[in-house]
Amino acid sequence: MKYLFLSILILLSGISVAQFENTDIGARQVALNGAFTSLADNSFAIFYNPSGLGQLKFREFAVFYSPAPFGLTDLSTAAITYAEPFSFGTAGAAFKTYGFELYRENTFTVSYANDFRKRIYFGANMNVYNLSIQNYNSATALGIDIGALAYIAKFLQWGFIGKNITGTKIGESKEKITQVYRTGFTYQPLNYLRIAAECEKDVRYPISIRGGIEYNVIDYIDLRFGAGSQPTVFSAGVGINYDLFSFDYGFSKSEDLGFTHLGTVSVNFGGIKGKMESRERLSKAFD
């Protein structure tokens, strides 16, 4: 029955179907409805804006898992990210897998980011896409993402990403890999409050709007809310920070497909102190 439902979704999508769809990765990011392009302050920046890795001061490792998007285990998604700051910039790597035994998409990404005077950041991803369909062998292709991020004022930052700017296709039939552009702003009137808004343009669809709010209740607890259009989605979540570890839970509610629950565990070697410094970095950049 689940396979039938998945097939119907694909058929209803018609010619708009593309490989390696642009899905949100990370419980914190999903809780903000993906409005993370201009924030991009942890290792999941690899998926949202690689330039954001340049903001990291400490090594970070994270694991994400969404066992059953919209109640379908066949759509399960998992990812691992790693970021390492050096004196010459920040390097990152990520692995994402999506699907089940009959259909599987794997993406391996290597990233690099650097900055100009700690106010302007730039970065890029090299992606290796691998698609495997049972009884139809597999195919591999390469693609590139680019990103930029800038601190505009003590309370405002801007971000941009172009995903698959190479227009990469995969397989003998030259199936399109999703090509997406995002840009937006994060407004931070207080160190414990962030408001993000951005627009997204998948080259196949109309522009969609995303927004999210993150409120730091105390040093150890964050609350998050988000909403978006095209499609209409509402989201929320909570983050718990303890020493080196962060535990994040998020869910999203699609108007058409229902609920998705997911979680992330991350290790940041800066600990709580490092996370607090991260929240203050925007205002400090102008001191």
Protein backbone atom coordinates (compact mmCIF):
# COMPACT_ATOMS: atom_id res chain seq x y z
CA MET A 1 0.00 0.00 0.00
CA LYS A 2 2.86 2.38 0.82
CA TYR A 3 4.58 1.57 -2.48
CA LEU A 4 1.31 2.29 -4.28
CA PHE A 5 0.96 5.64 -2.52
CA LEU A 6 4.54 6.60 -3.40
CA SER A 7 3.94 5.67 -7.05
CA ILE A 8 0.79 7.79 -7.14
CA LEU A 9 2.70 10.79 -5.77
CA ILE A 10 5.29 10.44 -8.49
CA LEU A 11 2.70 10.05 -11.24
CA LEU A 12 0.71 13.05 -10.02
CA SER A 13 3.87 15.13 -10.16
CA GLY A 14 4.15 14.40 -13.89
CA ILE A 15 6.96 16.10 -15.74
CA SER A 16 7.90 18.14 -12.66
CA VAL A 17 9.59 15.13 -11.05
CA ALA A 18 13.31 15.67 -10.50
CA GLN A 19 15.94 13.61 -8.76
CA PHE A 20 17.43 14.65 -5.39
CA GLU A 21 14.56 16.91 -4.34
CA ASN A 22 15.36 19.88 -2.10
CA THR A 23 14.21 18.60 1.31
CA ASP A 24 15.07 20.22 4.64
CA ILE A 25 17.77 18.49 6.69
CA GLY A 26 18.22 18.95 10.45
CA ALA A 27 15.58 19.13 13.20
CA ARG A 28 16.43 22.74 14.09
CA GLN A 29 16.23 23.76 10.45
CA VAL A 30 12.91 21.98 9.88
CA ALA A 31 11.45 23.64 13.00
CA LEU A 32 12.37 26.99 11.40
CA ASN A 33 10.69 25.78 8.18
CA GLY A 34 14.06 25.76 6.45
CA ALA A 35 14.63 29.51 6.92
CA PHE A 36 18.32 28.95 7.63
CA THR A 37 20.12 30.41 4.61
CA SER A 38 21.05 33.67 6.33
CA LEU A 39 21.68 32.02 9.74
CA ALA A 40 23.73 28.96 8.71
CA ASP A 41 25.67 28.78 11.98
CA ASN A 42 26.24 25.04 12.45
CA SER A 43 27.48 22.09 10.39
CA PHE A 44 24.09 21.76 8.63
CA ALA A 45 25.05 24.96 6.80
CA ILE A 46 26.47 22.51 4.25
CA PHE A 47 22.90 21.90 3.05
CA TYR A 48 21.64 25.49 3.38
CA ASN A 49 24.56 27.84 2.73
CA PRO A 50 28.15 26.50 2.77
CA SER A 51 29.55 29.98 3.40
CA GLY A 52 28.03 29.81 6.89
CA LEU A 53 30.64 27.23 7.88
CA GLY A 54 33.11 30.12 8.03
CA GLN A 55 31.31 31.35 11.16
CA LEU A 56 32.18 28.20 13.13
CA LYS A 57 34.96 28.52 15.69
CA PHE A 58 34.87 24.93 16.90
CA ARG A 59 34.77 21.43 15.43
CA GLU A 60 31.25 20.04 15.06
CA PHE A 61 29.70 16.67 14.26
CA ALA A 62 25.97 15.97 13.85
CA VAL A 63 23.57 13.13 12.98
CA PHE A 64 20.05 13.67 11.62
CA TYR A 65 17.23 11.15 11.13
CA SER A 66 13.70 11.42 9.82
CA PRO A 67 12.29 7.87 10.01
CA ALA A 68 8.94 8.32 8.26
CA PRO A 69 8.19 11.63 6.49
CA PHE A 70 4.41 11.99 6.13
CA GLY A 71 4.08 8.59 7.82
CA LEU A 72 5.94 6.74 5.03
CA THR A 73 9.02 4.78 6.06
CA ASP A 74 9.90 4.41 2.36
CA LEU A 75 10.76 8.13 2.38
CA SER A 76 13.13 7.93 5.37
CA THR A 77 16.03 10.38 5.31
CA ALA A 78 19.29 10.40 7.29
CA ALA A 79 22.36 12.63 7.23
CA ILE A 80 25.75 13.04 8.90
CA THR A 81 27.67 16.33 8.89
CA TYR A 82 31.15 17.34 10.02
CA ALA A 83 32.89 20.73 10.10
CA GLU A 84 36.48 21.58 11.02
CA PRO A 85 37.76 25.19 11.31
CA PHE A 86 41.35 25.88 10.23
CA SER A 87 43.45 29.03 10.04
CA PHE A 88 42.86 29.10 6.25
CA GLY A 89 39.08 28.59 6.41
CA THR A 90 36.58 25.90 7.38
CA ALA A 91 36.26 22.49 5.73
CA GLY A 92 33.13 20.39 5.90
CA ALA A 93 31.77 17.05 4.76
CA ALA A 94 28.31 15.52 4.72
CA PHE A 95 26.54 12.34 3.68
CA LYS A 96 22.78 12.17 3.02
CA THR A 97 20.70 9.14 2.13
CA TYR A 98 17.05 8.99 1.11
CA GLY A 99 14.67 6.21 0.13
CA PHE A 100 14.38 2.44 0.61
CA GLU A 101 15.66 -0.79 -0.92
CA LEU A 102 13.94 -0.28 -4.30
CA TYR A 103 14.91 3.36 -4.75
CA ARG A 104 17.88 5.06 -3.07
CA GLU A 105 19.47 8.51 -3.42
CA ASN A 106 22.87 9.08 -1.78
CA THR A 107 24.73 12.39 -1.75
CA PHE A 108 28.29 12.91 -0.51
CA THR A 109 29.39 16.54 -0.13
CA VAL A 110 32.69 18.25 0.58
CA SER A 111 32.64 21.95 1.50
CA TYR A 112 34.93 24.90 2.00
CA ALA A 113 34.21 28.35 3.46
CA ASN A 114 36.23 31.44 4.30
CA ASP A 115 35.64 35.06 5.26
CA PHE A 116 36.67 38.63 4.54
CA ARG A 117 37.24 40.63 7.72
CA LYS A 118 34.78 38.43 9.65
CA ARG A 119 31.82 40.19 8.04
CA ILE A 120 31.55 38.68 4.56
CA TYR A 121 31.60 34.90 4.10
CA PHE A 122 31.80 32.79 0.96
CA GLY A 123 31.75 29.06 0.37
CA ALA A 124 31.06 26.21 -2.02
CA ASN A 125 30.02 22.54 -2.09
CA MET A 126 31.13 19.76 -4.39
CA ASN A 127 28.38 17.12 -4.48
CA VAL A 128 28.63 13.54 -5.64
CA TYR A 129 25.14 12.24 -6.45
CA ASN A 130 24.44 8.51 -6.63
CA LEU A 131 21.06 7.13 -7.70
CA SER A 132 20.24 3.44 -7.39
CA ILE A 133 17.00 1.83 -8.62
CA GLN A 134 16.59 -1.90 -8.14
CA ASN A 135 16.85 -3.81 -11.44
CA TYR A 136 17.95 -0.61 -13.21
CA ASN A 137 21.55 -0.40 -11.93
CA SER A 138 22.87 2.94 -10.64
CA ALA A 139 24.26 6.26 -11.87
CA THR A 140 26.60 8.94 -10.49
CA ALA A 141 27.00 12.65 -11.26
CA LEU A 142 28.81 15.72 -9.91
CA GLY A 143 27.33 19.12 -9.03
CA ILE A 144 28.32 22.39 -7.37
CA ASP A 145 26.60 24.72 -4.88
CA ILE A 146 27.78 28.22 -4.02
CA GLY A 147 26.88 30.45 -1.08
CA ALA A 148 27.46 33.87 0.44
CA LEU A 149 26.63 35.47 3.78
CA ALA A 150 27.18 39.01 5.09
CA TYR A 151 26.75 40.87 8.38
CA ILE A 152 24.97 44.04 7.31
CA ALA A 153 24.43 45.64 10.73
CA LYS A 154 24.64 44.68 14.41
CA PHE A 155 21.16 43.20 14.16
CA LEU A 156 20.95 42.00 10.54
CA GLN A 157 22.58 39.45 8.29
CA TRP A 158 21.95 38.28 4.72
CA GLY A 159 22.48 34.94 3.02
CA PHE A 160 22.30 33.36 -0.43
CA ILE A 161 22.72 29.89 -1.91
CA GLY A 162 22.61 28.54 -5.45
CA LYS A 163 22.12 24.76 -5.35
CA ASN A 164 23.26 22.73 -8.34
CA ILE A 165 24.32 25.81 -10.30
CA THR A 166 25.91 23.44 -12.81
CA GLY A 167 22.43 22.19 -13.83
CA THR A 168 23.63 18.61 -13.38
CA LYS A 169 21.63 15.71 -14.81
CA ILE A 170 22.02 12.04 -13.99
CA GLY A 171 21.71 8.68 -15.75
CA GLU A 172 21.38 7.69 -19.39
CA SER A 173 17.99 9.42 -19.56
CA LYS A 174 19.56 12.66 -18.24
CA GLU A 175 17.11 13.09 -15.36
CA LYS A 176 17.25 16.60 -13.86
CA ILE A 177 18.73 17.11 -10.41
CA THR A 178 16.85 19.81 -8.51
CA GLN A 179 18.18 23.34 -9.02
CA VAL A 180 17.24 25.86 -6.30
CA TYR A 181 18.12 29.44 -5.35
CA ARG A 182 17.46 30.91 -1.90
CA THR A 183 18.07 34.27 -0.31
CA GLY A 184 16.92 35.96 2.88
CA PHE A 185 17.67 37.86 6.07
CA THR A 186 17.99 37.12 9.77
CA TYR A 187 16.97 39.90 12.14
CA GLN A 188 18.44 39.61 15.66
CA PRO A 189 17.15 42.44 17.87
CA LEU A 190 18.36 40.60 21.00
CA ASN A 191 20.99 37.94 21.56
CA TYR A 192 18.28 35.47 22.55
CA LEU A 193 15.86 36.16 19.67
CA ARG A 194 16.27 35.53 15.95
CA ILE A 195 13.71 36.11 13.22
CA ALA A 196 14.48 34.72 9.76
CA ALA A 197 12.67 35.26 6.45
CA GLU A 198 13.65 34.15 2.99
CA CYS A 199 12.38 33.29 -0.47
CA GLU A 200 13.12 30.16 -2.46
CA LYS A 201 13.00 29.61 -6.22
CA ASP A 202 13.05 26.06 -7.49
CA VAL A 203 13.48 26.54 -11.25
CA ARG A 204 10.38 24.34 -11.82
CA TYR A 205 8.00 26.05 -9.41
CA PRO A 206 6.73 29.49 -8.30
CA ILE A 207 8.64 31.39 -5.59
CA SER A 208 7.93 30.18 -2.06
CA ILE A 209 8.31 32.14 1.17
CA ARG A 210 9.77 30.70 4.38
CA GLY A 211 10.02 32.17 7.86
CA GLY A 212 11.12 31.09 11.33
CA ILE A 213 11.60 32.35 14.89
CA GLU A 214 14.14 31.02 17.39
CA TYR A 215 13.86 32.04 21.04
CA ASN A 216 16.53 31.13 23.59
CA VAL A 217 14.54 30.61 26.82
CA ILE A 218 17.66 29.94 28.87
CA ASP A 219 21.19 28.85 27.91
CA TYR A 220 20.01 25.24 27.75
CA ILE A 221 16.67 25.48 25.92
CA ASP A 222 15.63 26.94 22.55
CA LEU A 223 12.09 27.16 21.18
CA ARG A 224 11.44 27.39 17.43
CA PHE A 225 8.51 28.06 15.13
CA GLY A 226 8.16 28.35 11.36
CA ALA A 227 5.74 28.70 8.46
CA GLY A 228 5.88 28.81 4.69
CA SER A 229 4.00 28.93 1.41
CA GLN A 230 4.09 26.91 -1.82
CA PRO A 231 3.30 24.49 -0.23
CA THR A 232 1.66 25.69 2.98
CA VAL A 233 3.65 24.28 5.91
CA PHE A 234 3.73 24.96 9.66
CA SER A 235 6.57 23.78 11.90
CA ALA A 236 7.89 23.91 15.45
CA GLY A 237 10.53 22.33 17.66
CA VAL A 238 12.75 22.49 20.70
CA GLY A 239 16.49 22.31 21.30
CA ILE A 240 18.23 21.18 24.48
CA ASN A 241 21.91 22.10 24.97
CA TYR A 242 24.04 20.30 27.54
CA ASP A 243 27.82 20.67 27.69
CA LEU A 244 29.17 19.59 24.26
CA PHE A 245 25.86 18.09 23.15
CA SER A 246 22.70 19.44 21.54
CA PHE A 247 19.50 17.44 21.15
CA ASP A 248 16.97 18.89 18.71
CA TYR A 249 13.44 17.80 17.90
CA GLY A 250 11.31 19.25 15.13
CA PHE A 251 8.09 18.56 13.30
CA SER A 252 6.35 20.00 10.29
CA LYS A 253 2.71 19.89 9.21
CA SER A 254 1.98 19.92 5.50
CA GLU A 255 -1.50 21.01 4.46
CA ASP A 256 -1.73 18.11 2.02
CA LEU A 257 0.47 15.32 3.42
CA GLY A 258 0.31 15.63 7.23
CA PHE A 259 2.98 15.44 9.93
CA THR A 260 6.69 14.68 9.82
CA HIS A 261 8.75 14.13 13.00
CA LEU A 262 12.54 14.17 13.14
CA GLY A 263 15.53 14.55 15.42
CA THR A 264 19.17 15.63 15.48
CA VAL A 265 22.07 14.96 17.85
CA SER A 266 25.12 17.20 17.50
CA VAL A 267 28.45 17.63 19.26
CA ASN A 268 30.10 21.06 19.27
CA PHE A 269 33.53 21.15 20.90
CA GLY A 270 32.99 24.73 22.04
CA GLY A 271 30.27 23.52 24.43
CA ILE A 272 27.70 25.89 25.92
CA LYS A 273 30.23 28.74 25.97
CA GLY A 274 30.82 28.31 22.25
CA LYS A 275 27.10 28.37 21.52
CA MET A 276 26.64 31.56 23.51
CA GLU A 277 29.52 33.21 21.65
CA SER A 278 27.87 32.20 18.39
CA ARG A 279 24.68 34.03 19.34
CA GLU A 280 26.66 37.20 20.08
CA ARG A 281 28.97 37.11 17.05
CA LEU A 282 26.77 39.39 14.92
CA SER A 283 26.90 42.36 17.31
CA LYS A 284 30.58 41.74 18.14
CA ALA A 285 31.51 41.96 14.45
CA PHE A 286 30.80 45.70 14.59
CA ASP A 287 32.56 46.47 17.87
